[in-house]
PDB file of N, CA and C in Angstrom:
ATOM      1  N   MET A   1       0.838  -1.190   0.000  1.00  0.00           N
ATOM      2  CA  MET A   1       0.000   0.000   0.000  1.00  0.00           C
ATOM      3  C   MET A   1       0.876   1.244   0.000  1.00  0.00           C
ATOM      4  N   ALA A   2       1.573   1.514   1.078  1.00  0.00           N
ATOM      5  CA  ALA A   2       2.404   2.709   1.149  1.00  0.00           C
ATOM      6  C   ALA A   2       3.688   2.541   0.351  1.00  0.00           C
ATOM      7  N   LYS A   3       4.060   1.313   0.047  1.00  0.00           N
ATOM      8  CA  LYS A   3       5.281   1.064  -0.711  1.00  0.00           C
ATOM      9  C   LYS A   3       5.167   1.618  -2.125  1.00  0.00           C
ATOM     10  N   CYS A   4       3.953   1.789  -2.630  1.00  0.00           N
ATOM     11  CA  CYS A   4       3.774   2.243  -4.007  1.00  0.00           C
ATOM     12  C   CYS A   4       3.793   3.768  -4.128  1.00  0.00           C
ATOM     13  N   LEU A   5       4.071   4.488  -3.053  1.00  0.00           N
ATOM     14  CA  LEU A   5       4.156   5.942  -3.128  1.00  0.00           C
ATOM     15  C   LEU A   5       5.444   6.348  -3.829  1.00  0.00           C
ATOM     16  N   LYS A   6       5.353   7.365  -4.703  1.00  0.00           N
ATOM     17  CA  LYS A   6       6.533   7.825  -5.422  1.00  0.00           C
ATOM     18  C   LYS A   6       6.465   9.338  -5.590  1.00  0.00           C
ATOM     19  N   VAL A   7       7.547   9.932  -6.037  1.00  0.00           N
ATOM     20  CA  VAL A   7       7.635  11.377  -6.214  1.00  0.00           C
ATOM     21  C   VAL A   7       6.580  11.838  -7.204  1.00  0.00           C
ATOM     22  N   GLY A   8       5.873  12.910  -6.827  1.00  0.00           N
ATOM     23  CA  GLY A   8       4.857  13.480  -7.690  1.00  0.00           C
ATOM     24  C   GLY A   8       3.442  13.051  -7.336  1.00  0.00           C
ATOM     25  N   ASP A   9       3.287  11.976  -6.562  1.00  0.00           N
ATOM     26  CA  ASP A   9       1.953  11.531  -6.158  1.00  0.00           C
ATOM     27  C   ASP A   9       1.321  12.544  -5.219  1.00  0.00           C
ATOM     28  N   ARG A  10      -0.011  12.674  -5.309  1.00  0.00           N
ATOM     29  CA  ARG A  10      -0.752  13.515  -4.364  1.00  0.00           C
ATOM     30  C   ARG A  10      -1.265  12.614  -3.258  1.00  0.00           C
ATOM     31  N   VAL A  11      -0.987  13.013  -2.023  1.00  0.00           N
ATOM     32  CA  VAL A  11      -1.375  12.215  -0.871  1.00  0.00           C
ATOM     33  C   VAL A  11      -2.127  13.073   0.140  1.00  0.00           C
ATOM     34  N   LYS A  12      -2.885  12.409   0.985  1.00  0.00           N
ATOM     35  CA  LYS A  12      -3.614  13.069   2.056  1.00  0.00           C
ATOM     36  C   LYS A  12      -3.049  12.570   3.374  1.00  0.00           C
ATOM     37  N   VAL A  13      -2.794  13.487   4.304  1.00  0.00           N
ATOM     38  CA  VAL A  13      -2.290  13.123   5.621  1.00  0.00           C
ATOM     39  C   VAL A  13      -3.489  12.664   6.445  1.00  0.00           C
ATOM     40  N   ILE A  14      -3.430  11.433   6.972  1.00  0.00           N
ATOM     41  CA  ILE A  14      -4.570  10.880   7.695  1.00  0.00           C
ATOM     42  C   ILE A  14      -4.370  10.853   9.204  1.00  0.00           C
ATOM     43  N   ALA A  15      -3.188  11.242   9.676  1.00  0.00           N
ATOM     44  CA  ALA A  15      -2.929  11.266  11.114  1.00  0.00           C
ATOM     45  C   ALA A  15      -1.856  12.296  11.428  1.00  0.00           C
ATOM     46  N   GLY A  16      -1.899  12.844  12.623  1.00  0.00           N
ATOM     47  CA  GLY A  16      -0.888  13.790  13.054  1.00  0.00           C
ATOM     48  C   GLY A  16      -1.365  15.229  13.008  1.00  0.00           C
ATOM     49  N   ASP A  17      -0.425  16.151  13.169  1.00  0.00           N
ATOM     50  CA  ASP A  17      -0.736  17.583  13.224  1.00  0.00           C
ATOM     51  C   ASP A  17      -1.321  18.117  11.920  1.00  0.00           C
ATOM     52  N   HIS A  18      -0.950  17.538  10.804  1.00  0.00           N
ATOM     53  CA  HIS A  18      -1.381  18.035   9.497  1.00  0.00           C
ATOM     54  C   HIS A  18      -2.514  17.197   8.914  1.00  0.00           C
ATOM     55  N   LYS A  19      -3.290  16.552   9.768  1.00  0.00           N
ATOM     56  CA  LYS A  19      -4.372  15.668   9.340  1.00  0.00           C
ATOM     57  C   LYS A  19      -5.340  16.401   8.413  1.00  0.00           C
ATOM     58  N   GLY A  20      -5.659  15.769   7.280  1.00  0.00           N
ATOM     59  CA  GLY A  20      -6.584  16.353   6.321  1.00  0.00           C
ATOM     60  C   GLY A  20      -5.927  17.158   5.218  1.00  0.00           C
ATOM     61  N   THR A  21      -4.636  17.428   5.347  1.00  0.00           N
ATOM     62  CA  THR A  21      -3.919  18.215   4.349  1.00  0.00           C
ATOM     63  C   THR A  21      -3.589  17.355   3.130  1.00  0.00           C
ATOM     64  N   VAL A  22      -3.770  17.922   1.944  1.00  0.00           N
ATOM     65  CA  VAL A  22      -3.430  17.235   0.699  1.00  0.00           C
ATOM     66  C   VAL A  22      -2.225  17.943   0.087  1.00  0.00           C
ATOM     67  N   ALA A  23      -1.195  17.172  -0.286  1.00  0.00           N
ATOM     68  CA  ALA A  23       0.019  17.745  -0.873  1.00  0.00           C
ATOM     69  C   ALA A  23       0.672  16.720  -1.785  1.00  0.00           C
ATOM     70  N   SER A  24       1.655  17.167  -2.552  1.00  0.00           N
ATOM     71  CA  SER A  24       2.375  16.252  -3.431  1.00  0.00           C
ATOM     72  C   SER A  24       3.721  15.883  -2.797  1.00  0.00           C
ATOM     73  N   ILE A  25       4.204  14.707  -3.149  1.00  0.00           N
ATOM     74  CA  ILE A  25       5.461  14.194  -2.597  1.00  0.00           C
ATOM     75  C   ILE A  25       6.629  14.797  -3.362  1.00  0.00           C
ATOM     76  N   VAL A  26       7.605  15.332  -2.613  1.00  0.00           N
ATOM     77  CA  VAL A  26       8.801  15.935  -3.201  1.00  0.00           C
ATOM     78  C   VAL A  26       9.953  14.935  -3.212  1.00  0.00           C
ATOM     79  N   LYS A  27      10.058  14.127  -2.139  1.00  0.00           N
ATOM     80  CA  LYS A  27      11.165  13.185  -1.997  1.00  0.00           C
ATOM     81  C   LYS A  27      10.688  12.007  -1.160  1.00  0.00           C
ATOM     82  N   VAL A  28      11.244  10.817  -1.424  1.00  0.00           N
ATOM     83  CA  VAL A  28      10.881   9.623  -0.676  1.00  0.00           C
ATOM     84  C   VAL A  28      12.138   8.998  -0.094  1.00  0.00           C
ATOM     85  N   ASP A  29      12.085   8.663   1.197  1.00  0.00           N
ATOM     86  CA  ASP A  29      13.181   7.959   1.866  1.00  0.00           C
ATOM     87  C   ASP A  29      12.659   6.579   2.243  1.00  0.00           C
ATOM     88  N   ARG A  30      12.876   5.600   1.367  1.00  0.00           N
ATOM     89  CA  ARG A  30      12.334   4.261   1.576  1.00  0.00           C
ATOM     90  C   ARG A  30      12.983   3.558   2.771  1.00  0.00           C
ATOM     91  N   GLU A  31      14.246   3.824   3.013  1.00  0.00           N
ATOM     92  CA  GLU A  31      14.947   3.175   4.123  1.00  0.00           C
ATOM     93  C   GLU A  31      14.335   3.573   5.465  1.00  0.00           C
ATOM     94  N   ALA A  32      13.994   4.855   5.612  1.00  0.00           N
ATOM     95  CA  ALA A  32      13.391   5.343   6.852  1.00  0.00           C
ATOM     96  C   ALA A  32      11.870   5.213   6.830  1.00  0.00           C
ATOM     97  N   GLY A  33      11.296   4.959   5.657  1.00  0.00           N
ATOM     98  CA  GLY A  33       9.847   4.835   5.538  1.00  0.00           C
ATOM     99  C   GLY A  33       9.125   6.158   5.657  1.00  0.00           C
ATOM    100  N   LYS A  34       9.739   7.215   5.106  1.00  0.00           N
ATOM    101  CA  LYS A  34       9.158   8.549   5.200  1.00  0.00           C
ATOM    102  C   LYS A  34       9.077   9.216   3.839  1.00  0.00           C
ATOM    103  N   ALA A  35       8.108  10.121   3.721  1.00  0.00           N
ATOM    104  CA  ALA A  35       7.949  10.908   2.510  1.00  0.00           C
ATOM    105  C   ALA A  35       7.993  12.383   2.876  1.00  0.00           C
ATOM    106  N   MET A  36       8.654  13.185   2.049  1.00  0.00           N
ATOM    107  CA  MET A  36       8.722  14.621   2.257  1.00  0.00           C
ATOM    108  C   MET A  36       7.664  15.269   1.369  1.00  0.00           C
ATOM    109  N   LEU A  37       6.775  16.050   1.977  1.00  0.00           N
ATOM    110  CA  LEU A  37       5.683  16.679   1.250  1.00  0.00           C
ATOM    111  C   LEU A  37       5.970  18.149   1.022  1.00  0.00           C
ATOM    112  N   LYS A  38       5.446  18.681  -0.078  1.00  0.00           N
ATOM    113  CA  LYS A  38       5.678  20.066  -0.451  1.00  0.00           C
ATOM    114  C   LYS A  38       5.070  21.007   0.588  1.00  0.00           C
ATOM    115  N   ASP A  39       5.887  21.881   1.143  1.00  0.00           N
ATOM    116  CA  ASP A  39       5.487  22.918   2.105  1.00  0.00           C
ATOM    117  C   ASP A  39       4.900  22.374   3.407  1.00  0.00           C
ATOM    118  N   ILE A  40       5.148  21.115   3.743  1.00  0.00           N
ATOM    119  CA  ILE A  40       4.683  20.559   5.014  1.00  0.00           C
ATOM    120  C   ILE A  40       5.887  20.007   5.767  1.00  0.00           C
ATOM    121  N   GLU A  41       5.959  20.302   7.063  1.00  0.00           N
ATOM    122  CA  GLU A  41       7.055  19.860   7.934  1.00  0.00           C
ATOM    123  C   GLU A  41       8.414  20.356   7.439  1.00  0.00           C
ATOM    124  N   VAL A  42       8.466  21.618   7.024  1.00  0.00           N
ATOM    125  CA  VAL A  42       9.735  22.232   6.632  1.00  0.00           C
ATOM    126  C   VAL A  42      10.274  22.964   7.849  1.00  0.00           C
ATOM    127  N   ARG A  43      11.496  22.639   8.231  1.00  0.00           N
ATOM    128  CA  ARG A  43      12.085  23.209   9.433  1.00  0.00           C
ATOM    129  C   ARG A  43      13.387  23.922   9.105  1.00  0.00           C
ATOM    130  N   GLU A  44      13.773  24.846   9.972  1.00  0.00           N
ATOM    131  CA  GLU A  44      15.024  25.587   9.810  1.00  0.00           C
ATOM    132  C   GLU A  44      16.136  24.879  10.587  1.00  0.00           C
ATOM    133  N   ARG A  45      17.250  24.651   9.942  1.00  0.00           N
ATOM    134  CA  ARG A  45      18.424  24.080  10.593  1.00  0.00           C
ATOM    135  C   ARG A  45      19.526  25.134  10.559  1.00  0.00           C
ATOM    136  N   HIS A  46      20.233  25.272  11.664  1.00  0.00           N
ATOM    137  CA  HIS A  46      21.327  26.227  11.741  1.00  0.00           C
ATOM    138  C   HIS A  46      22.608  25.548  11.270  1.00  0.00           C
ATOM    139  N   ILE A  47      23.318  26.214  10.367  1.00  0.00           N
ATOM    140  CA  ILE A  47      24.540  25.681   9.775  1.00  0.00           C
ATOM    141  C   ILE A  47      25.745  26.390  10.378  1.00  0.00           C
ATOM    142  N   ARG A  48      26.660  25.614  10.865  1.00  0.00           N
ATOM    143  CA  ARG A  48      27.884  26.164  11.453  1.00  0.00           C
ATOM    144  C   ARG A  48      28.778  26.738  10.354  1.00  0.00           C
ATOM    145  N   ALA A  49      29.485  27.796  10.664  1.00  0.00           N
ATOM    146  CA  ALA A  49      30.426  28.388   9.714  1.00  0.00           C
ATOM    147  C   ALA A  49      31.598  27.430   9.500  1.00  0.00           C
ATOM    148  N   THR A  50      31.906  27.145   8.231  1.00  0.00           N
ATOM    149  CA  THR A  50      33.018  26.267   7.887  1.00  0.00           C
ATOM    150  C   THR A  50      33.870  26.938   6.825  1.00  0.00           C
ATOM    151  N   GLN A  51      34.895  26.257   6.399  1.00  0.00           N
ATOM    152  CA  GLN A  51      35.759  26.784   5.355  1.00  0.00           C
ATOM    153  C   GLN A  51      34.977  26.949   4.046  1.00  0.00           C
ATOM    154  N   TYR A  52      34.079  26.028   3.780  1.00  0.00           N
ATOM    155  CA  TYR A  52      33.314  26.062   2.528  1.00  0.00           C
ATOM    156  C   TYR A  52      32.083  26.960   2.626  1.00  0.00           C
ATOM    157  N   ASN A  53      31.616  27.199   3.842  1.00  0.00           N
ATOM    158  CA  ASN A  53      30.466  28.060   4.072  1.00  0.00           C
ATOM    159  C   ASN A  53      30.836  29.033   5.200  1.00  0.00           C
ATOM    160  N   PRO A  54      31.634  30.067   4.882  1.00  0.00           N
ATOM    161  CA  PRO A  54      32.186  30.938   5.921  1.00  0.00           C
ATOM    162  C   PRO A  54      31.149  31.699   6.740  1.00  0.00           C
ATOM    163  N   LYS A  55      29.991  31.993   6.151  1.00  0.00           N
ATOM    164  CA  LYS A  55      28.989  32.756   6.880  1.00  0.00           C
ATOM    165  C   LYS A  55      28.123  31.890   7.788  1.00  0.00           C
ATOM    166  N   GLY A  56      28.004  30.608   7.476  1.00  0.00           N
ATOM    167  CA  GLY A  56      27.077  29.779   8.232  1.00  0.00           C
ATOM    168  C   GLY A  56      25.664  30.150   7.837  1.00  0.00           C
ATOM    169  N   GLY A  57      24.752  30.144   8.793  1.00  0.00           N
ATOM    170  CA  GLY A  57      23.394  30.588   8.520  1.00  0.00           C
ATOM    171  C   GLY A  57      22.342  29.537   8.768  1.00  0.00           C
ATOM    172  N   LYS A  58      21.224  29.654   8.048  1.00  0.00           N
ATOM    173  CA  LYS A  58      20.096  28.744   8.211  1.00  0.00           C
ATOM    174  C   LYS A  58      19.799  28.044   6.894  1.00  0.00           C
ATOM    175  N   LYS A  59      19.229  26.838   7.017  1.00  0.00           N
ATOM    176  CA  LYS A  59      18.888  26.053   5.840  1.00  0.00           C
ATOM    177  C   LYS A  59      17.524  25.400   6.091  1.00  0.00           C
ATOM    178  N   SER A  60      16.651  25.436   5.103  1.00  0.00           N
ATOM    179  CA  SER A  60      15.345  24.789   5.228  1.00  0.00           C
ATOM    180  C   SER A  60      15.487  23.304   4.902  1.00  0.00           C
ATOM    181  N   VAL A  61      14.963  22.445   5.793  1.00  0.00           N
ATOM    182  CA  VAL A  61      15.073  21.002   5.642  1.00  0.00           C
ATOM    183  C   VAL A  61      13.696  20.381   5.846  1.00  0.00           C
ATOM    184  N   HIS A  62      13.347  19.396   5.006  1.00  0.00           N
ATOM    185  CA  HIS A  62      12.087  18.684   5.173  1.00  0.00           C
ATOM    186  C   HIS A  62      12.230  17.635   6.268  1.00  0.00           C
ATOM    187  N   ALA A  63      11.263  17.592   7.165  1.00  0.00           N
ATOM    188  CA  ALA A  63      11.164  16.505   8.129  1.00  0.00           C
ATOM    189  C   ALA A  63      10.083  15.586   7.578  1.00  0.00           C
ATOM    190  N   GLY A  64      10.415  14.357   7.324  1.00  0.00           N
ATOM    191  CA  GLY A  64       9.500  13.453   6.646  1.00  0.00           C
ATOM    192  C   GLY A  64       8.297  13.054   7.474  1.00  0.00           C
ATOM    193  N   ILE A  65       7.249  12.625   6.775  1.00  0.00           N
ATOM    194  CA  ILE A  65       6.051  12.080   7.399  1.00  0.00           C
ATOM    195  C   ILE A  65       6.014  10.597   7.081  1.00  0.00           C
ATOM    196  N   ASP A  66       5.747   9.793   8.090  1.00  0.00           N
ATOM    197  CA  ASP A  66       5.760   8.345   7.948  1.00  0.00           C
ATOM    198  C   ASP A  66       4.718   7.873   6.929  1.00  0.00           C
ATOM    199  N   PHE A  67       5.080   6.822   6.172  1.00  0.00           N
ATOM    200  CA  PHE A  67       4.174   6.267   5.169  1.00  0.00           C
ATOM    201  C   PHE A  67       2.831   5.880   5.771  1.00  0.00           C
ATOM    202  N   SER A  68       2.835   5.405   7.014  1.00  0.00           N
ATOM    203  CA  SER A  68       1.598   4.931   7.622  1.00  0.00           C
ATOM    204  C   SER A  68       0.609   6.059   7.880  1.00  0.00           C
ATOM    205  N   ASN A  69       1.063   7.306   7.842  1.00  0.00           N
ATOM    206  CA  ASN A  69       0.194   8.454   8.066  1.00  0.00           C
ATOM    207  C   ASN A  69      -0.276   9.088   6.758  1.00  0.00           C
ATOM    208  N   LEU A  70      -0.012   8.434   5.638  1.00  0.00           N
ATOM    209  CA  LEU A  70      -0.368   8.990   4.326  1.00  0.00           C
ATOM    210  C   LEU A  70      -1.315   8.063   3.582  1.00  0.00           C
ATOM    211  N   LYS A  71      -2.178   8.666   2.781  1.00  0.00           N
ATOM    212  CA  LYS A  71      -3.107   7.912   1.941  1.00  0.00           C
ATOM    213  C   LYS A  71      -3.053   8.507   0.542  1.00  0.00           C
ATOM    214  N   LYS A  72      -2.888   7.682  -0.462  1.00  0.00           N
ATOM    215  CA  LYS A  72      -2.805   8.149  -1.842  1.00  0.00           C
ATOM    216  C   LYS A  72      -4.164   8.679  -2.275  1.00  0.00           C
ATOM    217  N   GLU A  73      -4.155   9.884  -2.882  1.00  0.00           N
ATOM    218  CA  GLU A  73      -5.390  10.525  -3.356  1.00  0.00           C
ATOM    219  C   GLU A  73      -5.741   9.998  -4.738  1.00  0.00           C
ATOM    220  N   ASP A  74      -7.023   9.808  -4.977  1.00  0.00           N
ATOM    221  CA  ASP A  74      -7.489   9.415  -6.303  1.00  0.00           C
ATOM    222  C   ASP A  74      -7.456  10.625  -7.224  1.00  0.00           C
ATOM    223  N   LYS A  75      -7.266  10.376  -8.496  1.00  0.00           N
ATOM    224  CA  LYS A  75      -7.169  11.470  -9.459  1.00  0.00           C
ATOM    225  C   LYS A  75      -8.480  11.919  -9.933  1.00  0.00           C
TER     226      LYS A  75
END
């Protein structure tokens, strides 16, 4: 069921804070069993200043939603 989810599919969140939200999948992490949805669960991560990134700063990162909390939307 959830194994057939792939990038570009429209899914509905059926559990959790974003219950009822419909969005498309941007990225899939099959090893962790999570899907990253467009504009949902995007968090800011602080980046330490390094030789390659002297300023440091912030970076937006998707926090995935578990496959078990998603339902594929019919077209």
